[in-house]
Amino acid sequence: MRIDPAKHGWLEEPETRAVMQALGHARFVGGAVRNALLGAPVVDIDIAVPIPPEETVKRLEAADIKAIPTGFDHGTVTAIKNGKVFEVTSLRRDVATDGRHAVVAYTTQWDEDAARRDFTINALYAAPDGEIFDYNGGLQDLVAGKVRFVGDPHARIQEDYLRILRLFRFHAWYGKGEMDADALRAAAQGKAGLAQLSGERIAKEMLRLLECPNPAPVLRTMAASGILPELLPFALQLPRLERLIHTDADNFFPADALLRLAALLPDDPAAARGVAERLRLSGADRTRLEALSAAEKMPVHPSAQAVRKLLYRLGAAAFKDKVRLNWAAAAPGANAIPWRMLLSVADAYEKPRFALTGHDIMQAGVPEGPQIGKILTQIEDWWIDNDFPDTGITEQLKALTAPQ
């Protein structure tokens, strides 16, 4: 079997050919090979070479290709040609592991490198002309939709406990039917090792899992095996998440991992803060998750004025979050039209401008200080509650600043 270059332009791109020619006896590996065989988009191109990283850098630079030692201790060099990025890693074998990191030694044997990879479908290699090299039955597993560890699942998980989460993520994206029983058993038995992992590594896998078309079956398996409670020890709302997933599919909404995480969690800001802290989410993601956890119920048919008020207070993006989360919380089979209309209103929304400033209040005779902010807030609240009138602000200012 081989990848047909005529159907996969990335194989024949000048940048790809230049990097492969510079490296010599190199092969594509992992996701690029797997996705090409499945007919899925190839985004990241990883390359394996039977030379140490120092030699990788030397060959790339000799061919006028930028080489960055991004993971030099583990044999990885980033090659950049005309803005295109390739991850080049020396063939390796594990010398020692501790459940989080591995000490590696370089090798020239392709089968040794394949033996240290996690899943058979990730241990597929392709020559520059598309010829496939499979040392562990990965092609058969890929066709069958079976996510299977290379070698003993228990040993592979003990090498790096993140492989537990990768097992579920890969099954959600590529698996068919039931999960591999040996892999699932090993994952359940090794779940305590998840506590060793950094929040960033856990977040990366969990958010990628939540981005797949339908992560719900895998999440249910994670819950039943006791793995999900290790990560999210709360009363999870899987039915609400499932309804959100269904509305995504029915309306061609792109998968939003953070929104799906919020749908899964209880409506409890403390839980959201705890998850955000454990996963080391960015400030923006943390703020959004906490806001979603505190989102009050929205009526199916709010008044036009109430919609305008919410849009002004929240902004269009947060308003749409609120609508989609409330839509997911609605009874199964509920009419979708009102929710779609609310999203359409948000898409067309233009925020009105509040014309008053702190300078205007000072001009009215209020000295600089906290009183300016209080008056500004009072008048803006009046303006919002009265549906953003074009007149009346001046009168409100006069009334609040008139001598008593």
Foldseek 3Di string as FASTA:
>chain_A
DFQACVLPVVLVDPVNVLLDVLQDFKWWFFPQLLCSVVVHDDDATEMEHQDALVVSCVSCVVSVWDWAPPPNQQAWIWTADPRDIYIYGYQWAFDDAAQADTRIDGHNDLLRSLQLDFWQLRSWIAGSNGDIDGDACNVVCQVQQATHTRPQLLVNCRRHVLVLLVQLQSSLARHDDDYDPRNLVSNLVCLVSVVVDALQSVVVSQLSLQQRLDNLVSVVSCVVSVNVCVQQVADWDSQLLRLLSVVCVVVVNGRDSLLSVLLGHALDLVSLQVNCVRNVPDPVSSVLSSCSSPQDADDLDDDPLVLLLCCQVQPLVSQLSSLSSNSSVDDPPDDCVSSVVSNVCSVPDDHDDDPDDLVVLVVLPDDDDPVSVVLVVVLVVVCSVVRNDPDDSVVSSCVVSPDD
